[in-house]
Amino acid sequence: MKDARPWHPFLFYANFTVVKSKEDILDKYYSAGADGLPEISADGLLKAMEEYRIEAEEAAFAAARQTDNGAPLYPTFADYKTSTEVKPVEPTENDRVKFVADSIVEQFLPSDPTAQHFSFQFRTGGKEYTARYIRNAQGYWEYESFV
């Protein structure tokens, strides 16, 4: 008898690790509605989807576990997840000023086609800045610095 479920890459890994089916996960989040029929809330569905995603990631991790001289590089899935977390980099003051200046530079472009540099002032975060722009070799305006 042929399996009626569609093929999915994570189902391949399920043959080697114990993975709950979508139905098993969803069953935990069903409740009976006023008419007695099973229903699932939006929050329950989100939780079920997240649980299924984590199950699939763990199955993929188990199937593709990296080793270093025969020993697992990451003993547990939690260790692996911790190693892949990327801390967001806090933008520098120059990055913040450049972002704001680049978003409004069109309002200050000089009308003189021979101009090679220009600057303009603006206020952001309670501070006054002067952004400087220069024309590059291709003729485009580039952010240079701020004061």
N, C-alpha and C. Protein backbone atom coordinates (compact mmCIF):
# COMPACT_ATOMS: atom_id res chain seq x y z
N MET A 1 0.84 -1.18 0.00
CA MET A 1 0.00 0.00 0.00
C MET A 1 0.88 1.24 0.00
N LYS A 2 0.54 2.19 -0.82
CA LYS A 2 1.34 3.40 -0.96
C LYS A 2 0.94 4.42 0.09
N ASP A 3 1.94 5.11 0.63
CA ASP A 3 1.69 6.17 1.62
C ASP A 3 1.05 7.36 0.92
N ALA A 4 -0.05 7.88 1.48
CA ALA A 4 -0.80 8.97 0.85
C ALA A 4 -0.18 10.34 1.13
N ARG A 5 0.76 10.40 2.08
CA ARG A 5 1.37 11.69 2.40
C ARG A 5 2.29 12.14 1.28
N PRO A 6 2.32 13.45 0.98
CA PRO A 6 3.23 13.94 -0.05
C PRO A 6 4.67 13.83 0.43
N TRP A 7 5.60 13.74 -0.52
CA TRP A 7 7.00 13.63 -0.16
C TRP A 7 7.50 14.98 0.31
N HIS A 8 8.28 14.96 1.35
CA HIS A 8 8.88 16.18 1.89
C HIS A 8 10.27 15.79 2.37
N PRO A 9 11.29 16.66 2.18
CA PRO A 9 12.66 16.29 2.58
C PRO A 9 12.78 15.86 4.03
N PHE A 10 12.01 16.48 4.92
CA PHE A 10 12.12 16.12 6.32
C PHE A 10 11.49 14.76 6.62
N LEU A 11 10.56 14.31 5.77
CA LEU A 11 9.99 12.99 5.96
C LEU A 11 11.04 11.92 5.71
N PHE A 12 12.00 12.20 4.83
CA PHE A 12 13.09 11.28 4.60
C PHE A 12 13.88 11.06 5.88
N TYR A 13 14.16 12.15 6.60
CA TYR A 13 14.90 12.06 7.85
C TYR A 13 14.07 11.37 8.92
N ALA A 14 12.77 11.44 8.80
CA ALA A 14 11.90 10.85 9.81
C ALA A 14 12.09 9.34 9.88
N ASN A 15 12.58 8.72 8.80
CA ASN A 15 12.81 7.28 8.82
C ASN A 15 13.95 6.91 9.76
N PHE A 16 14.81 7.86 10.08
CA PHE A 16 15.97 7.57 10.90
C PHE A 16 15.86 8.13 12.31
N THR A 17 14.96 9.04 12.53
CA THR A 17 14.75 9.59 13.86
C THR A 17 13.27 9.58 14.17
N VAL A 18 12.96 9.62 15.44
CA VAL A 18 11.57 9.63 15.85
C VAL A 18 11.05 11.05 15.73
N VAL A 19 10.16 11.27 14.79
CA VAL A 19 9.59 12.59 14.56
C VAL A 19 8.08 12.47 14.66
N LYS A 20 7.49 13.40 15.38
CA LYS A 20 6.03 13.41 15.46
C LYS A 20 5.47 13.86 14.12
N SER A 21 4.35 13.29 13.74
CA SER A 21 3.72 13.73 12.50
C SER A 21 3.00 15.05 12.74
N LYS A 22 2.66 15.72 11.66
CA LYS A 22 1.91 16.98 11.79
C LYS A 22 0.62 16.74 12.55
N GLU A 23 -0.02 15.62 12.24
CA GLU A 23 -1.30 15.31 12.90
C GLU A 23 -1.12 15.13 14.40
N ASP A 24 -0.05 14.43 14.81
CA ASP A 24 0.20 14.24 16.24
C ASP A 24 0.40 15.57 16.95
N ILE A 25 1.12 16.47 16.32
CA ILE A 25 1.37 17.78 16.91
C ILE A 25 0.08 18.59 16.97
N LEU A 26 -0.67 18.61 15.87
CA LEU A 26 -1.92 19.38 15.83
C LEU A 26 -2.94 18.87 16.85
N ASP A 27 -2.97 17.55 17.07
CA ASP A 27 -3.94 16.97 18.02
C ASP A 27 -3.83 17.58 19.41
N LYS A 28 -2.62 17.98 19.80
CA LYS A 28 -2.42 18.57 21.14
C LYS A 28 -3.09 19.93 21.27
N TYR A 29 -3.33 20.61 20.15
CA TYR A 29 -3.83 21.98 20.19
C TYR A 29 -5.31 22.11 19.82
N TYR A 30 -5.97 21.00 19.49
CA TYR A 30 -7.39 21.06 19.17
C TYR A 30 -8.21 21.19 20.44
N SER A 31 -9.34 21.86 20.31
CA SER A 31 -10.32 21.91 21.40
C SER A 31 -11.69 21.76 20.75
N ALA A 32 -12.70 21.47 21.57
CA ALA A 32 -14.05 21.30 21.04
C ALA A 32 -14.74 22.65 20.98
N GLY A 33 -15.33 22.95 19.83
CA GLY A 33 -16.06 24.21 19.66
C GLY A 33 -17.43 24.12 20.30
N ALA A 34 -18.20 25.18 20.21
CA ALA A 34 -19.54 25.23 20.79
C ALA A 34 -20.44 24.17 20.18
N ASP A 35 -20.20 23.83 18.92
CA ASP A 35 -21.02 22.82 18.25
C ASP A 35 -20.49 21.41 18.45
N GLY A 36 -19.41 21.27 19.24
CA GLY A 36 -18.85 19.96 19.53
C GLY A 36 -17.81 19.49 18.52
N LEU A 37 -17.62 20.24 17.46
CA LEU A 37 -16.63 19.86 16.46
C LEU A 37 -15.24 20.35 16.88
N PRO A 38 -14.20 19.60 16.51
CA PRO A 38 -12.85 20.04 16.88
C PRO A 38 -12.47 21.32 16.13
N GLU A 39 -11.80 22.21 16.84
CA GLU A 39 -11.31 23.45 16.22
C GLU A 39 -9.98 23.80 16.86
N ILE A 40 -9.24 24.66 16.18
CA ILE A 40 -7.94 25.08 16.70
C ILE A 40 -7.88 26.60 16.62
N SER A 41 -7.38 27.21 17.67
CA SER A 41 -7.27 28.67 17.69
C SER A 41 -6.06 29.10 16.87
N ALA A 42 -6.02 30.37 16.52
CA ALA A 42 -4.88 30.90 15.76
C ALA A 42 -3.60 30.74 16.57
N ASP A 43 -3.68 31.01 17.88
CA ASP A 43 -2.51 30.87 18.75
C ASP A 43 -2.07 29.41 18.81
N GLY A 44 -3.04 28.50 18.91
CA GLY A 44 -2.71 27.08 18.93
C GLY A 44 -2.07 26.63 17.64
N LEU A 45 -2.57 27.15 16.52
CA LEU A 45 -2.00 26.80 15.23
C LEU A 45 -0.56 27.30 15.11
N LEU A 46 -0.31 28.53 15.58
CA LEU A 46 1.05 29.06 15.56
C LEU A 46 1.99 28.21 16.41
N LYS A 47 1.52 27.81 17.59
CA LYS A 47 2.35 26.96 18.46
C LYS A 47 2.62 25.62 17.81
N ALA A 48 1.61 25.04 17.16
CA ALA A 48 1.78 23.75 16.49
C ALA A 48 2.78 23.88 15.34
N MET A 49 2.66 24.96 14.57
CA MET A 49 3.59 25.17 13.46
C MET A 49 5.02 25.33 13.97
N GLU A 50 5.20 26.06 15.06
CA GLU A 50 6.53 26.24 15.64
C GLU A 50 7.09 24.91 16.14
N GLU A 51 6.24 24.12 16.80
CA GLU A 51 6.68 22.81 17.30
C GLU A 51 7.09 21.91 16.14
N TYR A 52 6.32 21.93 15.07
CA TYR A 52 6.64 21.11 13.91
C TYR A 52 7.95 21.56 13.27
N ARG A 53 8.16 22.88 13.20
CA ARG A 53 9.40 23.41 12.64
C ARG A 53 10.60 22.94 13.46
N ILE A 54 10.47 23.01 14.77
CA ILE A 54 11.57 22.58 15.66
C ILE A 54 11.82 21.09 15.50
N GLU A 55 10.75 20.29 15.43
CA GLU A 55 10.90 18.84 15.22
C GLU A 55 11.66 18.56 13.92
N ALA A 56 11.30 19.29 12.86
CA ALA A 56 11.96 19.08 11.56
C ALA A 56 13.43 19.49 11.63
N GLU A 57 13.72 20.59 12.31
CA GLU A 57 15.11 21.03 12.45
C GLU A 57 15.92 19.99 13.23
N GLU A 58 15.33 19.46 14.30
CA GLU A 58 16.04 18.45 15.09
C GLU A 58 16.29 17.19 14.28
N ALA A 59 15.32 16.80 13.46
CA ALA A 59 15.49 15.62 12.61
C ALA A 59 16.59 15.86 11.58
N ALA A 60 16.62 17.04 10.99
CA ALA A 60 17.67 17.36 10.02
C ALA A 60 19.03 17.40 10.70
N PHE A 61 19.07 17.95 11.91
CA PHE A 61 20.32 18.00 12.67
C PHE A 61 20.83 16.59 12.94
N ALA A 62 19.95 15.71 13.37
CA ALA A 62 20.35 14.34 13.68
C ALA A 62 20.85 13.63 12.42
N ALA A 63 20.22 13.89 11.29
CA ALA A 63 20.61 13.22 10.05
C ALA A 63 21.92 13.76 9.49
N ALA A 64 22.21 15.02 9.73
CA ALA A 64 23.39 15.64 9.12
C ALA A 64 24.41 16.07 10.17
N ARG A 65 24.44 15.39 11.27
CA ARG A 65 25.33 15.77 12.37
C ARG A 65 26.78 15.77 11.92
N GLN A 66 27.46 16.87 12.18
CA GLN A 66 28.88 16.99 11.83
C GLN A 66 29.71 16.35 12.93
N THR A 67 30.82 15.75 12.51
CA THR A 67 31.71 15.14 13.49
C THR A 67 33.11 15.69 13.32
N ASP A 68 33.86 15.60 14.39
CA ASP A 68 35.26 16.01 14.39
C ASP A 68 36.05 14.84 14.95
N ASN A 69 36.74 14.10 14.09
CA ASN A 69 37.48 12.89 14.47
C ASN A 69 36.57 11.88 15.16
N GLY A 70 35.37 11.71 14.64
CA GLY A 70 34.44 10.72 15.17
C GLY A 70 33.55 11.19 16.29
N ALA A 71 33.91 12.29 16.94
CA ALA A 71 33.08 12.82 18.03
C ALA A 71 32.16 13.90 17.46
N PRO A 72 30.91 13.93 17.92
CA PRO A 72 30.00 14.96 17.40
C PRO A 72 30.51 16.37 17.69
N LEU A 73 30.44 17.22 16.69
CA LEU A 73 30.86 18.61 16.84
C LEU A 73 29.93 19.34 17.80
N TYR A 74 28.65 19.02 17.73
CA TYR A 74 27.64 19.58 18.64
C TYR A 74 26.91 18.40 19.28
N PRO A 75 27.14 18.15 20.56
CA PRO A 75 26.53 16.98 21.21
C PRO A 75 25.00 17.00 21.19
N THR A 76 24.40 18.17 21.32
CA THR A 76 22.94 18.25 21.34
C THR A 76 22.46 19.30 20.34
N PHE A 77 21.18 19.21 20.03
CA PHE A 77 20.58 20.19 19.13
C PHE A 77 20.62 21.58 19.75
N ALA A 78 20.44 21.67 21.06
CA ALA A 78 20.48 22.96 21.75
C ALA A 78 21.85 23.61 21.60
N ASP A 79 22.93 22.81 21.68
CA ASP A 79 24.29 23.34 21.48
C ASP A 79 24.45 23.89 20.06
N TYR A 80 23.91 23.14 19.10
CA TYR A 80 23.99 23.58 17.71
C TYR A 80 23.23 24.89 17.51
N LYS A 81 22.00 24.99 18.03
CA LYS A 81 21.20 26.20 17.89
C LYS A 81 21.90 27.39 18.53
N THR A 82 22.52 27.18 19.69
CA THR A 82 23.25 28.26 20.35
C THR A 82 24.40 28.75 19.49
N SER A 83 25.08 27.82 18.82
CA SER A 83 26.22 28.21 17.98
C SER A 83 25.80 28.97 16.73
N THR A 84 24.56 28.81 16.30
CA THR A 84 24.11 29.49 15.08
C THR A 84 23.46 30.84 15.35
N GLU A 85 23.22 31.16 16.61
CA GLU A 85 22.59 32.44 16.93
C GLU A 85 23.56 33.58 16.64
N VAL A 86 23.06 34.58 15.97
CA VAL A 86 23.86 35.74 15.62
C VAL A 86 23.33 36.93 16.40
N LYS A 87 24.22 37.53 17.15
CA LYS A 87 23.82 38.71 17.91
C LYS A 87 23.75 39.90 16.95
N PRO A 88 22.67 40.67 17.01
CA PRO A 88 22.59 41.83 16.11
C PRO A 88 23.67 42.85 16.43
N VAL A 89 24.26 43.38 15.39
CA VAL A 89 25.32 44.37 15.55
C VAL A 89 24.67 45.74 15.70
N GLU A 90 25.04 46.44 16.74
CA GLU A 90 24.52 47.78 16.97
C GLU A 90 25.17 48.72 15.97
N PRO A 91 24.36 49.44 15.18
CA PRO A 91 24.96 50.35 14.19
C PRO A 91 25.73 51.48 14.86
N THR A 92 26.81 51.88 14.23
CA THR A 92 27.61 53.00 14.75
C THR A 92 26.87 54.30 14.48
N GLU A 93 27.36 55.37 15.10
CA GLU A 93 26.75 56.68 14.86
C GLU A 93 26.86 57.04 13.38
N ASN A 94 28.01 56.75 12.77
CA ASN A 94 28.18 57.03 11.34
C ASN A 94 27.16 56.26 10.50
N ASP A 95 26.91 54.99 10.84
CA ASP A 95 25.92 54.20 10.11
C ASP A 95 24.52 54.81 10.22
N ARG A 96 24.16 55.24 11.43
CA ARG A 96 22.83 55.84 11.63
C ARG A 96 22.70 57.15 10.85
N VAL A 97 23.73 57.99 10.91
CA VAL A 97 23.70 59.27 10.20
C VAL A 97 23.64 59.02 8.70
N LYS A 98 24.44 58.08 8.20
CA LYS A 98 24.44 57.76 6.76
C LYS A 98 23.07 57.27 6.32
N PHE A 99 22.44 56.43 7.12
CA PHE A 99 21.11 55.92 6.78
C PHE A 99 20.11 57.06 6.63
N VAL A 100 20.09 57.95 7.60
CA VAL A 100 19.15 59.08 7.55
C VAL A 100 19.50 59.99 6.38
N ALA A 101 20.78 60.32 6.23
CA ALA A 101 21.20 61.22 5.15
C ALA A 101 20.88 60.63 3.78
N ASP A 102 21.15 59.34 3.59
CA ASP A 102 20.85 58.70 2.30
C ASP A 102 19.36 58.69 2.00
N SER A 103 18.54 58.66 3.04
CA SER A 103 17.10 58.61 2.81
C SER A 103 16.52 59.97 2.42
N ILE A 104 17.25 61.06 2.68
CA ILE A 104 16.73 62.39 2.34
C ILE A 104 17.63 63.17 1.39
N VAL A 105 18.70 62.58 0.91
CA VAL A 105 19.68 63.29 0.08
C VAL A 105 19.06 63.88 -1.19
N GLU A 106 18.06 63.22 -1.76
CA GLU A 106 17.46 63.71 -3.00
C GLU A 106 16.89 65.11 -2.86
N GLN A 107 16.50 65.47 -1.65
CA GLN A 107 15.93 66.80 -1.42
C GLN A 107 16.98 67.90 -1.46
N PHE A 108 18.26 67.52 -1.38
CA PHE A 108 19.33 68.51 -1.28
C PHE A 108 20.32 68.46 -2.44
N LEU A 109 20.06 67.68 -3.47
CA LEU A 109 21.01 67.58 -4.59
C LEU A 109 21.20 68.94 -5.24
N PRO A 110 22.45 69.31 -5.52
CA PRO A 110 22.70 70.63 -6.12
C PRO A 110 22.20 70.67 -7.57
N SER A 111 21.74 71.84 -7.98
CA SER A 111 21.25 72.00 -9.36
C SER A 111 22.41 72.25 -10.33
N ASP A 112 23.57 72.59 -9.81
CA ASP A 112 24.75 72.85 -10.64
C ASP A 112 25.38 71.51 -11.05
N PRO A 113 25.37 71.16 -12.35
CA PRO A 113 25.92 69.87 -12.78
C PRO A 113 27.43 69.76 -12.64
N THR A 114 28.13 70.87 -12.42
CA THR A 114 29.59 70.82 -12.27
C THR A 114 30.02 70.67 -10.81
N ALA A 115 29.07 70.73 -9.89
CA ALA A 115 29.40 70.61 -8.46
C ALA A 115 30.02 69.24 -8.19
N GLN A 116 31.07 69.22 -7.39
CA GLN A 116 31.76 67.98 -7.05
C GLN A 116 31.51 67.54 -5.61
N HIS A 117 30.98 68.44 -4.80
CA HIS A 117 30.65 68.09 -3.42
C HIS A 117 29.58 69.04 -2.91
N PHE A 118 28.85 68.59 -1.90
CA PHE A 118 27.86 69.43 -1.25
C PHE A 118 27.60 68.85 0.14
N SER A 119 26.95 69.63 0.97
CA SER A 119 26.60 69.17 2.32
C SER A 119 25.24 69.75 2.68
N PHE A 120 24.61 69.13 3.65
CA PHE A 120 23.34 69.63 4.16
C PHE A 120 23.21 69.26 5.63
N GLN A 121 22.38 70.02 6.33
CA GLN A 121 22.19 69.80 7.76
C GLN A 121 20.82 69.18 8.02
N PHE A 122 20.78 68.36 9.06
CA PHE A 122 19.52 67.79 9.50
C PHE A 122 19.64 67.43 10.97
N ARG A 123 18.51 67.20 11.60
CA ARG A 123 18.46 66.86 13.02
C ARG A 123 17.84 65.46 13.15
N THR A 124 18.48 64.63 13.95
CA THR A 124 17.94 63.32 14.26
C THR A 124 18.41 62.92 15.65
N GLY A 125 17.55 62.27 16.39
CA GLY A 125 17.91 61.85 17.74
C GLY A 125 18.25 63.01 18.64
N GLY A 126 17.69 64.19 18.37
CA GLY A 126 17.95 65.36 19.20
C GLY A 126 19.30 66.01 18.95
N LYS A 127 20.00 65.59 17.89
CA LYS A 127 21.32 66.13 17.58
C LYS A 127 21.34 66.70 16.17
N GLU A 128 22.11 67.74 15.97
CA GLU A 128 22.27 68.38 14.66
C GLU A 128 23.47 67.74 13.95
N TYR A 129 23.29 67.37 12.68
CA TYR A 129 24.37 66.78 11.88
C TYR A 129 24.49 67.52 10.56
N THR A 130 25.71 67.49 10.00
CA THR A 130 25.95 67.98 8.65
C THR A 130 26.53 66.81 7.86
N ALA A 131 25.81 66.38 6.84
CA ALA A 131 26.25 65.26 6.00
C ALA A 131 26.97 65.82 4.78
N ARG A 132 28.09 65.20 4.43
CA ARG A 132 28.88 65.62 3.27
C ARG A 132 28.81 64.55 2.19
N TYR A 133 28.63 64.98 0.96
CA TYR A 133 28.58 64.08 -0.19
C TYR A 133 29.58 64.55 -1.24
N ILE A 134 30.17 63.59 -1.94
CA ILE A 134 31.08 63.90 -3.06
C ILE A 134 30.61 63.14 -4.29
N ARG A 135 30.99 63.64 -5.45
CA ARG A 135 30.65 62.97 -6.71
C ARG A 135 31.76 61.96 -7.01
N ASN A 136 31.39 60.70 -7.29
CA ASN A 136 32.41 59.68 -7.59
C ASN A 136 32.79 59.73 -9.07
N ALA A 137 33.69 58.85 -9.49
CA ALA A 137 34.20 58.85 -10.86
C ALA A 137 33.10 58.57 -11.88
N GLN A 138 32.07 57.85 -11.49
CA GLN A 138 30.97 57.54 -12.40
C GLN A 138 29.93 58.67 -12.44
N GLY A 139 30.10 59.69 -11.59
CA GLY A 139 29.18 60.81 -11.58
C GLY A 139 28.06 60.71 -10.57
N TYR A 140 28.08 59.67 -9.72
CA TYR A 140 27.05 59.50 -8.70
C TYR A 140 27.48 60.13 -7.39
N TRP A 141 26.50 60.56 -6.61
CA TRP A 141 26.79 61.14 -5.31
C TRP A 141 26.98 60.04 -4.28
N GLU A 142 28.06 60.16 -3.49
CA GLU A 142 28.37 59.20 -2.43
C GLU A 142 28.49 59.91 -1.10
N TYR A 143 27.99 59.26 -0.06
CA TYR A 143 28.14 59.78 1.29
C TYR A 143 29.62 59.77 1.63
N GLU A 144 30.12 60.88 2.17
CA GLU A 144 31.54 60.96 2.53
C GLU A 144 31.73 60.89 4.04
N SER A 145 31.06 61.78 4.77
CA SER A 145 31.22 61.82 6.22
C SER A 145 30.15 62.72 6.82
N PHE A 146 30.22 62.88 8.12
CA PHE A 146 29.32 63.80 8.81
C PHE A 146 30.10 64.60 9.83
N VAL A 147 29.54 65.73 10.21
CA VAL A 147 30.13 66.58 11.25
C VAL A 147 29.08 66.75 12.32
